């Protein structure tokens, strides 16, 4: 694992061993990884819809808990009444209740190709608890509307609704104190894409917020793409979690009808365009995995953001698959939690 400083050029592509599409892993982890891919394939219908009933069985959500689990409590709240948008708020029980300290807030967007999973999915419930515990922060995990029922820009609208919710102190659930002036956006895969576009909307109109100030953005293996196939997508055909047929379907499900993958939601160049005129866009930490087929698009995103004059730090994990950090048995998962802790402690610097 290596780290590139903000002023450095993007790290070079990591060449995986010929014929290898995943690192060695314990058999239990391998089964869990295979199951994650199976859920998306088994619930995707030929007509382009998702079998939500079956998905609810295969990805049965876990309830929120006011009783702390591993030192972190949670509760479900409504953040966007117009569309009944929900979110799960995680908070370190000692920091919020006992010490009555105003906590920094990480607004988190789960992965799943814009179409799958939720804030209550077991993997994301556990991951957000770890973020809250390591970073000593509140984590607001947004249960944004999913494609294909809700295409672009619904997920981005819901993310912005989360910032509007935080902007009004009257919305903050008693007795938890949230410091909206120390707000971070984070997400993995499609959630990393959403986090970027929510930050973009904020930065293009910061005066519309009274209290929210974005201090940093953590994009964990963000989901971007384009019309061509990259070297990593070809080299890592058959990789776990993410592959070209799945991502092609996900973009068709999310993008407006008739759009191609040069759309602003998908193209890293289009996503970054114009941000040189948006000084309120926060510093970005981009996580890249050596066994992730999406890594070339993530590096293009870093390049595009730097061309716009934005501060970008790259965290390279050469042995990491896509979504590695939701599997805590990977050593890289703990390391990433420590890096997120550093981002929050450093105010995004």
Protein backbone atom coordinates (compact mmCIF):
# COMPACT_ATOMS: atom_id res chain seq x y z
CA UNK A 1 0.00 0.00 0.00
CA UNK A 2 1.30 3.42 -0.88
CA UNK A 3 0.06 6.99 -0.71
CA UNK A 4 0.55 9.82 -3.18
CA UNK A 5 0.77 13.39 -1.87
CA UNK A 6 -1.64 15.99 -3.14
CA UNK A 7 0.93 17.62 -5.43
CA UNK A 8 2.11 14.35 -6.96
CA UNK A 9 0.83 13.01 -10.30
CA UNK A 10 -1.63 10.11 -10.13
CA UNK A 11 0.01 6.84 -9.17
CA UNK A 12 0.73 4.48 -12.08
CA UNK A 13 -1.53 1.53 -12.78
CA UNK A 14 -0.80 -1.55 -10.73
CA UNK A 15 -0.05 -4.55 -12.91
CA UNK A 16 -1.68 -7.67 -11.47
CA UNK A 17 -0.12 -11.09 -12.10
CA UNK A 18 -1.04 -12.45 -15.52
CA UNK A 19 -4.27 -14.42 -15.32
CA UNK A 20 -5.02 -13.36 -11.73
CA UNK A 21 -8.20 -11.38 -11.13
CA UNK A 22 -8.20 -11.47 -7.31
CA UNK A 23 -5.63 -11.78 -4.53
CA UNK A 24 -5.44 -14.88 -2.32
CA UNK A 25 -8.09 -14.82 0.39
CA UNK A 26 -9.55 -17.19 3.02
CA UNK A 27 -12.28 -19.46 1.69
CA UNK A 28 -14.93 -17.86 3.93
CA UNK A 29 -14.09 -14.45 2.48
CA UNK A 30 -14.11 -15.84 -1.04
CA UNK A 31 -17.59 -17.25 -0.48
CA UNK A 32 -18.79 -13.90 0.87
CA UNK A 33 -17.33 -12.10 -2.13
CA UNK A 34 -18.96 -14.54 -4.55
CA UNK A 35 -22.29 -14.14 -2.73
CA UNK A 36 -22.12 -10.36 -3.16
CA UNK A 37 -21.87 -10.76 -6.92
CA UNK A 38 -24.59 -13.41 -6.96
CA UNK A 39 -27.10 -11.04 -5.34
CA UNK A 40 -26.88 -8.56 -8.21
CA UNK A 41 -27.07 -11.23 -10.91
CA UNK A 42 -29.92 -13.18 -9.30
CA UNK A 43 -32.16 -10.15 -8.81
CA UNK A 44 -31.61 -8.50 -12.20
CA UNK A 45 -34.49 -9.20 -14.58
CA UNK A 46 -34.18 -9.48 -18.35
CA UNK A 47 -36.51 -6.48 -18.81
CA UNK A 48 -34.06 -4.19 -17.00
CA UNK A 49 -35.87 -4.10 -13.65
CA UNK A 50 -34.78 -5.41 -10.25
CA UNK A 51 -36.67 -8.07 -8.31
CA UNK A 52 -36.97 -6.05 -5.10
CA UNK A 53 -38.84 -8.81 -3.28
CA UNK A 54 -36.05 -11.32 -3.85
CA UNK A 55 -33.45 -8.67 -3.10
CA UNK A 56 -35.11 -8.06 0.26
CA UNK A 57 -34.63 -11.75 1.07
CA UNK A 58 -31.03 -11.95 -0.12
CA UNK A 59 -30.05 -8.61 1.42
CA UNK A 60 -32.14 -8.53 4.57
CA UNK A 61 -31.55 -5.27 6.37
CA UNK A 62 -30.60 -5.02 10.03
CA UNK A 63 -32.48 -2.70 12.38
CA UNK A 64 -31.05 0.45 13.88
CA UNK A 65 -30.17 0.24 17.55
CA UNK A 66 -30.21 2.90 20.27
CA UNK A 67 -28.35 0.32 22.34
CA UNK A 68 -24.69 0.71 21.36
CA UNK A 69 -23.03 -2.03 19.35
CA UNK A 70 -19.26 -1.91 19.67
CA UNK A 71 -19.61 1.55 21.18
CA UNK A 72 -21.81 2.95 18.37
CA UNK A 73 -25.56 3.54 18.49
CA UNK A 74 -27.83 4.24 15.53
CA UNK A 75 -31.27 5.49 14.66
CA UNK A 76 -33.31 5.88 11.47
CA UNK A 77 -34.53 9.36 10.56
CA UNK A 78 -36.36 11.08 7.69
CA UNK A 79 -34.22 13.69 5.94
CA UNK A 80 -36.23 14.46 2.80
CA UNK A 81 -39.95 14.59 3.47
CA UNK A 82 -40.74 15.37 -0.19
CA UNK A 83 -39.70 11.86 -1.22
CA UNK A 84 -39.69 10.19 2.22
CA UNK A 85 -35.91 9.92 1.99
CA UNK A 86 -34.50 8.08 4.98
CA UNK A 87 -31.05 7.91 6.50
CA UNK A 88 -29.40 5.99 9.30
CA UNK A 89 -27.48 8.08 11.82
CA UNK A 90 -24.58 6.38 13.61
CA UNK A 91 -22.89 8.02 16.56
CA UNK A 92 -20.32 7.01 19.20
CA UNK A 93 -22.43 6.59 22.30
CA UNK A 94 -19.90 8.08 24.74
CA UNK A 95 -19.11 11.12 22.60
CA UNK A 96 -22.72 12.05 21.92
CA UNK A 97 -24.55 11.19 25.12
CA UNK A 98 -21.99 11.25 27.92
CA UNK A 99 -19.64 14.04 26.88
CA UNK A 100 -22.23 16.05 24.91
CA UNK A 101 -19.56 16.94 22.36
CA UNK A 102 -20.59 18.32 18.97
CA UNK A 103 -19.48 15.65 16.53
CA UNK A 104 -18.15 16.12 13.02
CA UNK A 105 -20.48 14.53 10.47
CA UNK A 106 -19.62 12.11 7.69
CA UNK A 107 -22.46 11.99 5.14
CA UNK A 108 -22.08 8.54 3.64
CA UNK A 109 -23.43 7.00 0.42
CA UNK A 110 -23.42 3.23 0.07
CA UNK A 111 -22.35 1.39 -3.06
CA UNK A 112 -24.37 -0.99 -5.20
CA UNK A 113 -24.30 0.44 -8.71
CA UNK A 114 -27.05 2.99 -7.90
CA UNK A 115 -29.51 0.07 -7.89
CA UNK A 116 -28.66 -2.26 -5.01
CA UNK A 117 -28.16 -2.37 -1.23
CA UNK A 118 -29.21 0.18 1.36
CA UNK A 119 -28.17 1.96 4.53
CA UNK A 120 -29.52 -1.03 6.50
CA UNK A 121 -27.64 -3.68 4.49
CA UNK A 122 -25.54 -5.67 6.99
CA UNK A 123 -22.24 -4.83 5.29
CA UNK A 124 -22.93 -1.09 5.25
CA UNK A 125 -24.43 -0.97 8.72
CA UNK A 126 -21.22 -2.55 10.00
CA UNK A 127 -18.94 -0.36 7.85
CA UNK A 128 -20.59 2.86 9.02
CA UNK A 129 -20.27 1.73 12.62
CA UNK A 130 -16.56 1.25 12.07
CA UNK A 131 -16.21 4.69 10.50
CA UNK A 132 -18.06 6.31 13.41
CA UNK A 133 -15.94 4.45 15.95
CA UNK A 134 -12.56 5.07 14.31
CA UNK A 135 -13.21 8.69 13.35
CA UNK A 136 -15.17 9.63 16.52
CA UNK A 137 -17.76 11.14 14.21
CA UNK A 138 -21.43 10.91 13.45
CA UNK A 139 -22.14 9.08 10.20
CA UNK A 140 -25.31 9.93 8.29
CA UNK A 141 -25.80 7.05 5.85
CA UNK A 142 -28.26 8.18 3.18
CA UNK A 143 -30.85 5.67 1.94
CA UNK A 144 -31.10 7.36 -1.43
CA UNK A 145 -33.63 6.31 -4.06
CA UNK A 146 -32.35 3.57 -6.32
CA UNK A 147 -32.34 2.88 -10.04
CA UNK A 148 -33.89 1.80 -12.31
CA UNK A 149 -37.08 2.99 -10.60
CA UNK A 150 -35.37 6.32 -9.90
CA UNK A 151 -32.83 7.36 -12.51
CA UNK A 152 -30.42 10.30 -12.59
CA UNK A 153 -30.56 12.72 -10.82
CA UNK A 154 -32.66 11.22 -7.98
CA UNK A 155 -29.69 9.91 -5.95
CA UNK A 156 -27.91 13.27 -6.23
CA UNK A 157 -31.07 15.11 -5.21
CA UNK A 158 -31.35 12.91 -2.12
CA UNK A 159 -27.71 13.52 -1.23
CA UNK A 160 -28.24 17.26 -1.41
CA UNK A 161 -31.35 16.83 0.75
CA UNK A 162 -29.09 15.32 3.42
CA UNK A 163 -26.97 18.48 3.43
CA UNK A 164 -30.11 20.63 3.62
CA UNK A 165 -31.24 18.55 6.59
CA UNK A 166 -27.94 19.09 8.38
CA UNK A 167 -27.97 22.79 7.57
CA UNK A 168 -30.91 23.37 9.94
CA UNK A 169 -29.89 22.74 13.57
CA UNK A 170 -33.55 22.19 14.46
CA UNK A 171 -33.35 18.90 12.57
CA UNK A 172 -30.50 17.47 14.62
CA UNK A 173 -31.88 14.64 16.75
CA UNK A 174 -31.75 15.22 20.50
CA UNK A 175 -29.47 14.73 22.42
CA UNK A 176 -26.86 14.29 19.67
CA UNK A 177 -24.93 17.42 18.80
CA UNK A 178 -23.77 17.63 15.20
CA UNK A 179 -21.18 20.11 13.94
CA UNK A 180 -22.36 20.93 10.43
CA UNK A 181 -19.33 23.17 9.93
CA UNK A 182 -17.19 20.01 10.01
CA UNK A 183 -19.01 18.02 7.37
CA UNK A 184 -17.42 15.35 5.18
CA UNK A 185 -18.82 13.41 2.26
CA UNK A 186 -17.85 9.78 1.73
CA UNK A 187 -18.99 6.80 -0.27
CA UNK A 188 -17.81 3.76 -2.11
CA UNK A 189 -18.34 2.74 -5.73
CA UNK A 190 -21.63 4.35 -6.86
CA UNK A 191 -21.69 6.05 -3.47
CA UNK A 192 -18.32 7.65 -4.25
CA UNK A 193 -19.79 8.97 -7.49
CA UNK A 194 -22.80 10.36 -5.59
CA UNK A 195 -20.52 11.96 -2.97
CA UNK A 196 -18.62 13.77 -5.73
CA UNK A 197 -21.75 15.07 -7.43
CA UNK A 198 -23.27 16.22 -4.14
CA UNK A 199 -20.04 18.07 -3.35
CA UNK A 200 -20.18 19.58 -6.84
CA UNK A 201 -23.71 20.87 -6.30
CA UNK A 202 -22.73 22.30 -2.92
CA UNK A 203 -19.61 23.98 -4.28
CA UNK A 204 -21.47 25.60 -7.17
CA UNK A 205 -23.94 27.20 -4.73
CA UNK A 206 -22.32 27.41 -1.27
CA UNK A 207 -24.15 30.60 -0.31
CA UNK A 208 -27.42 28.65 -0.15
CA UNK A 209 -26.14 26.91 3.01
CA UNK A 210 -26.00 28.73 6.34
CA UNK A 211 -24.15 26.21 8.48
CA UNK A 212 -22.84 23.30 6.40
CA UNK A 213 -19.20 23.55 5.40
CA UNK A 214 -17.60 20.70 3.48
CA UNK A 215 -14.18 19.88 4.88
CA UNK A 216 -13.34 16.81 2.83
CA UNK A 217 -14.49 14.14 0.39
CA UNK A 218 -13.47 10.47 0.63
CA UNK A 219 -14.22 8.66 -2.64
CA UNK A 220 -13.63 4.94 -2.07
CA UNK A 221 -13.16 3.29 -5.48
CA UNK A 222 -15.67 5.69 -7.07
CA UNK A 223 -17.80 4.45 -9.96
CA UNK A 224 -17.07 6.37 -13.15
CA UNK A 225 -16.95 5.12 -16.71
CA UNK A 226 -17.00 5.79 -20.42
CA UNK A 227 -17.78 4.28 -23.78
CA UNK A 228 -14.45 2.54 -24.29
CA UNK A 229 -13.01 -0.42 -22.37
CA UNK A 230 -9.94 0.38 -20.31
CA UNK A 231 -6.86 -1.78 -19.86
CA UNK A 232 -7.90 -2.65 -16.31
CA UNK A 233 -11.42 -3.64 -17.37
CA UNK A 234 -9.96 -5.99 -19.98
CA UNK A 235 -7.16 -7.31 -17.77
CA UNK A 236 -9.46 -7.99 -14.83
CA UNK A 237 -12.40 -9.53 -16.69
CA UNK A 238 -13.93 -11.98 -14.24
CA UNK A 239 -12.84 -10.04 -11.16
CA UNK A 240 -15.11 -10.33 -8.09
CA UNK A 241 -17.92 -7.87 -7.33
CA UNK A 242 -17.48 -5.74 -10.47
CA UNK A 243 -17.29 -6.75 -14.11
CA UNK A 244 -18.15 -5.14 -17.45
CA UNK A 245 -21.58 -6.78 -17.98
CA UNK A 246 -22.70 -5.70 -14.50
CA UNK A 247 -21.45 -2.13 -14.84
CA UNK A 248 -22.95 -1.79 -18.33
CA UNK A 249 -26.34 -2.75 -16.90
CA UNK A 250 -25.93 -0.37 -13.95
CA UNK A 251 -25.22 2.61 -16.18
CA UNK A 252 -28.22 1.77 -18.38
CA UNK A 253 -30.37 1.57 -15.25
CA UNK A 254 -29.19 4.91 -13.86
CA UNK A 255 -28.56 7.23 -16.80
CA UNK A 256 -31.44 9.05 -18.51
CA UNK A 257 -32.99 7.25 -21.47
CA UNK A 258 -30.98 7.82 -24.63
CA UNK A 259 -27.80 8.86 -22.80
CA UNK A 260 -24.42 7.26 -23.36
CA UNK A 261 -21.54 7.01 -20.90
CA UNK A 262 -20.16 10.41 -21.86
CA UNK A 263 -22.93 11.79 -19.63
CA UNK A 264 -21.83 14.12 -16.81
CA UNK A 265 -22.87 11.54 -14.20
CA UNK A 266 -20.56 8.91 -15.65
CA UNK A 267 -17.60 10.56 -17.38
CA UNK A 268 -14.85 11.63 -14.95
CA UNK A 269 -13.87 14.50 -17.24
CA UNK A 270 -17.44 15.81 -17.41
CA UNK A 271 -17.87 15.33 -13.64
CA UNK A 272 -14.86 17.55 -12.95
CA UNK A 273 -15.50 20.17 -15.64
CA UNK A 274 -15.95 23.69 -14.33
CA UNK A 275 -14.90 22.99 -10.76
CA UNK A 276 -11.92 25.29 -11.18
CA UNK A 277 -14.48 28.06 -10.66
CA UNK A 278 -15.78 26.45 -7.44
CA UNK A 279 -13.34 27.18 -4.60
CA UNK A 280 -15.64 25.58 -2.01
CA UNK A 281 -15.15 22.11 -3.47
CA UNK A 282 -13.35 20.20 -0.67
CA UNK A 283 -10.05 18.30 -0.78
CA UNK A 284 -10.52 14.78 -2.16
CA UNK A 285 -9.07 11.47 -1.00
CA UNK A 286 -9.47 8.79 -3.69
CA UNK A 287 -9.04 5.11 -2.84
CA UNK A 288 -7.82 2.82 -5.63
CA UNK A 289 -7.51 -0.98 -5.53
CA UNK A 290 -5.09 -2.98 -7.67
CA UNK A 291 -7.67 -5.70 -8.40
CA UNK A 292 -10.50 -3.28 -9.17
CA UNK A 293 -11.54 -3.19 -12.85
CA UNK A 294 -12.67 0.43 -12.34
CA UNK A 295 -9.22 1.70 -11.32
CA UNK A 296 -8.37 3.35 -14.66
CA UNK A 297 -11.54 5.44 -14.48
CA UNK A 298 -10.66 6.43 -10.92
CA UNK A 299 -7.23 7.61 -12.03
CA UNK A 300 -8.81 9.59 -14.85
CA UNK A 301 -11.02 11.22 -12.23
CA UNK A 302 -7.93 12.21 -10.23
CA UNK A 303 -6.30 13.64 -13.35
CA UNK A 304 -9.43 15.58 -14.30
CA UNK A 305 -9.78 17.03 -10.81
CA UNK A 306 -6.13 18.10 -10.74
CA UNK A 307 -6.52 19.82 -14.10
CA UNK A 308 -9.26 21.87 -12.42
CA UNK A 309 -6.79 22.81 -9.69
CA UNK A 310 -8.36 20.63 -7.01
CA UNK A 311 -6.48 19.02 -4.15
CA UNK A 312 -6.41 15.25 -4.61
CA UNK A 313 -4.73 12.57 -2.53
CA UNK A 314 -4.57 8.99 -3.77
CA UNK A 315 -4.50 5.96 -1.49
CA UNK A 316 -3.26 2.90 -3.38
CA UNK A 317 -4.03 -0.64 -2.16
CA UNK A 318 -2.38 -2.95 -4.72
CA UNK A 319 -3.92 -6.14 -3.26
CA UNK A 320 -7.45 -4.76 -2.91
CA UNK A 321 -10.55 -5.92 -4.78
CA UNK A 322 -13.54 -3.68 -5.39
CA UNK A 323 -15.42 -3.01 -2.11
CA UNK A 324 -12.59 -4.56 -0.08
CA UNK A 325 -13.22 -2.38 2.95
CA UNK A 326 -16.62 -3.93 3.75
CA UNK A 327 -14.76 -7.19 4.45
CA UNK A 328 -12.97 -6.41 7.74
CA UNK A 329 -10.80 -9.52 7.48
CA UNK A 330 -8.77 -7.78 4.77
CA UNK A 331 -5.88 -5.89 6.46
CA UNK A 332 -6.41 -3.02 4.02
CA UNK A 333 -9.89 -2.51 5.49
CA UNK A 334 -8.50 -1.49 8.87
CA UNK A 335 -5.86 0.68 7.26
CA UNK A 336 -8.53 2.60 5.36
CA UNK A 337 -10.46 3.21 8.59
CA UNK A 338 -7.30 4.78 10.02
CA UNK A 339 -6.92 6.98 6.92
CA UNK A 340 -10.52 8.15 7.22
CA UNK A 341 -9.82 8.94 10.86
CA UNK A 342 -6.87 11.07 9.75
CA UNK A 343 -9.00 12.94 7.20
CA UNK A 344 -11.64 13.79 9.80
CA UNK A 345 -9.07 14.71 12.46
CA UNK A 346 -7.18 16.90 9.99
CA UNK A 347 -10.18 18.88 8.83
CA UNK A 348 -9.89 17.50 5.33
CA UNK A 349 -6.24 18.43 4.89
